[in-house]
Amino acid sequence: MKLKEAILAAGARKGTPCVFVTIRAALTKPDATDLDECLADPTVSAVQIQRGLAAEGHRTSVETVRRHRRGECSCAK
């Protein structure tokens, strides 16, 4: 395989959906909007988001929040 083919193949996002798809589906519409606003707000840290979600019973990691924000999760495709 040529390098370009390997790089392009590595960019394909497959597998399980991003955890935020699952979390958002479990939220009320106002809570989903609040989550989206917090994710878009650079003054709200990934740690704050993770801790807030955990306090409400939603399991995720800080790195998952960061990856979602960077658009490196399966949502970004």
C-alpha atoms as a PDB file:
ATOM      1  CA  MET A   1       0.000   0.000   0.000  1.00  0.00           C
ATOM      2  CA  LYS A   2       1.304   3.436  -0.845  1.00  0.00           C
ATOM      3  CA  LEU A   3       1.651   5.967   1.935  1.00  0.00           C
ATOM      4  CA  LYS A   4      -1.132   8.198   0.597  1.00  0.00           C
ATOM      5  CA  GLU A   5      -3.550   5.253   0.506  1.00  0.00           C
ATOM      6  CA  ALA A   6      -2.624   4.323   4.076  1.00  0.00           C
ATOM      7  CA  ILE A   7      -3.160   7.882   5.288  1.00  0.00           C
ATOM      8  CA  LEU A   8      -6.513   8.217   3.558  1.00  0.00           C
ATOM      9  CA  ALA A   9      -7.665   4.838   4.853  1.00  0.00           C
ATOM     10  CA  ALA A  10      -6.687   5.815   8.400  1.00  0.00           C
ATOM     11  CA  GLY A  11      -8.984   8.841   8.205  1.00  0.00           C
ATOM     12  CA  ALA A  12     -12.090   6.715   7.815  1.00  0.00           C
ATOM     13  CA  ARG A  13     -14.162   6.733  10.997  1.00  0.00           C
ATOM     14  CA  LYS A  14     -15.820   3.424  11.679  1.00  0.00           C
ATOM     15  CA  GLY A  15     -17.050   1.601  14.709  1.00  0.00           C
ATOM     16  CA  THR A  16     -19.218   2.610  17.587  1.00  0.00           C
ATOM     17  CA  PRO A  17     -20.955   5.963  17.688  1.00  0.00           C
ATOM     18  CA  CYS A  18     -19.481   8.761  19.738  1.00  0.00           C
ATOM     19  CA  VAL A  19     -20.550   8.616  23.383  1.00  0.00           C
ATOM     20  CA  PHE A  20     -22.114  12.067  22.955  1.00  0.00           C
ATOM     21  CA  VAL A  21     -24.719  10.594  20.580  1.00  0.00           C
ATOM     22  CA  THR A  22     -25.785   8.250  23.379  1.00  0.00           C
ATOM     23  CA  ILE A  23     -25.674  10.936  26.061  1.00  0.00           C
ATOM     24  CA  ARG A  24     -27.634  13.459  24.005  1.00  0.00           C
ATOM     25  CA  ALA A  25     -30.317  10.856  23.263  1.00  0.00           C
ATOM     26  CA  ALA A  26     -30.850  10.404  27.009  1.00  0.00           C
ATOM     27  CA  LEU A  27     -31.147  14.134  27.732  1.00  0.00           C
ATOM     28  CA  THR A  28     -34.141  16.406  27.648  1.00  0.00           C
ATOM     29  CA  LYS A  29     -34.090  18.963  24.852  1.00  0.00           C
ATOM     30  CA  PRO A  30     -33.089  21.817  27.214  1.00  0.00           C
ATOM     31  CA  ASP A  31     -30.280  19.715  28.716  1.00  0.00           C
ATOM     32  CA  ALA A  32     -29.047  18.711  25.250  1.00  0.00           C
ATOM     33  CA  THR A  33     -28.961  22.398  24.291  1.00  0.00           C
ATOM     34  CA  ASP A  34     -27.054  23.213  27.482  1.00  0.00           C
ATOM     35  CA  LEU A  35     -24.541  20.456  26.719  1.00  0.00           C
ATOM     36  CA  ASP A  36     -24.038  21.743  23.182  1.00  0.00           C
ATOM     37  CA  GLU A  37     -23.491  25.275  24.489  1.00  0.00           C
ATOM     38  CA  CYS A  38     -20.947  24.077  27.050  1.00  0.00           C
ATOM     39  CA  LEU A  39     -19.107  22.024  24.424  1.00  0.00           C
ATOM     40  CA  ALA A  40     -18.921  25.074  22.153  1.00  0.00           C
ATOM     41  CA  ASP A  41     -17.765  27.427  24.930  1.00  0.00           C
ATOM     42  CA  PRO A  42     -13.952  27.453  25.204  1.00  0.00           C
ATOM     43  CA  THR A  43     -14.192  28.895  28.724  1.00  0.00           C
ATOM     44  CA  VAL A  44     -15.840  25.659  29.930  1.00  0.00           C
ATOM     45  CA  SER A  45     -13.137  23.039  30.412  1.00  0.00           C
ATOM     46  CA  ALA A  46     -13.355  19.423  29.347  1.00  0.00           C
ATOM     47  CA  VAL A  47     -12.922  18.502  33.017  1.00  0.00           C
ATOM     48  CA  GLN A  48     -15.968  20.594  33.973  1.00  0.00           C
ATOM     49  CA  ILE A  49     -18.050  18.932  31.271  1.00  0.00           C
ATOM     50  CA  GLN A  50     -16.931  15.443  32.265  1.00  0.00           C
ATOM     51  CA  ARG A  51     -17.594  16.102  35.960  1.00  0.00           C
ATOM     52  CA  GLY A  52     -20.999  17.636  35.258  1.00  0.00           C
ATOM     53  CA  LEU A  53     -22.016  14.699  33.098  1.00  0.00           C
ATOM     54  CA  ALA A  54     -20.771  12.262  35.753  1.00  0.00           C
ATOM     55  CA  ALA A  55     -22.765  14.085  38.426  1.00  0.00           C
ATOM     56  CA  GLU A  56     -25.865  13.453  36.317  1.00  0.00           C
ATOM     57  CA  GLY A  57     -25.016   9.768  35.829  1.00  0.00           C
ATOM     58  CA  HIS A  58     -23.426   9.924  32.372  1.00  0.00           C
ATOM     59  CA  ARG A  59     -20.117   8.070  32.112  1.00  0.00           C
ATOM     60  CA  THR A  60     -17.429   9.526  29.883  1.00  0.00           C
ATOM     61  CA  SER A  61     -13.800  10.550  30.139  1.00  0.00           C
ATOM     62  CA  VAL A  62     -12.096  13.906  29.867  1.00  0.00           C
ATOM     63  CA  GLU A  63     -10.234  12.658  26.793  1.00  0.00           C
ATOM     64  CA  THR A  64     -13.540  11.697  25.150  1.00  0.00           C
ATOM     65  CA  VAL A  65     -14.794  15.253  25.707  1.00  0.00           C
ATOM     66  CA  ARG A  66     -11.571  16.653  24.236  1.00  0.00           C
ATOM     67  CA  ARG A  67     -11.700  14.312  21.236  1.00  0.00           C
ATOM     68  CA  HIS A  68     -15.336  15.271  20.568  1.00  0.00           C
ATOM     69  CA  ARG A  69     -14.492  18.963  20.771  1.00  0.00           C
ATOM     70  CA  ARG A  70     -11.597  18.534  18.331  1.00  0.00           C
ATOM     71  CA  GLY A  71     -13.864  16.729  15.878  1.00  0.00           C
ATOM     72  CA  GLU A  72     -11.852  13.524  16.093  1.00  0.00           C
ATOM     73  CA  CYS A  73     -14.760  11.282  17.095  1.00  0.00           C
ATOM     74  CA  SER A  74     -17.221   9.405  14.915  1.00  0.00           C
ATOM     75  CA  CYS A  75     -19.614  12.392  15.042  1.00  0.00           C
ATOM     76  CA  ALA A  76     -17.283  14.440  12.890  1.00  0.00           C
ATOM     77  CA  LYS A  77     -17.683  12.363   9.779  1.00  0.00           C
END
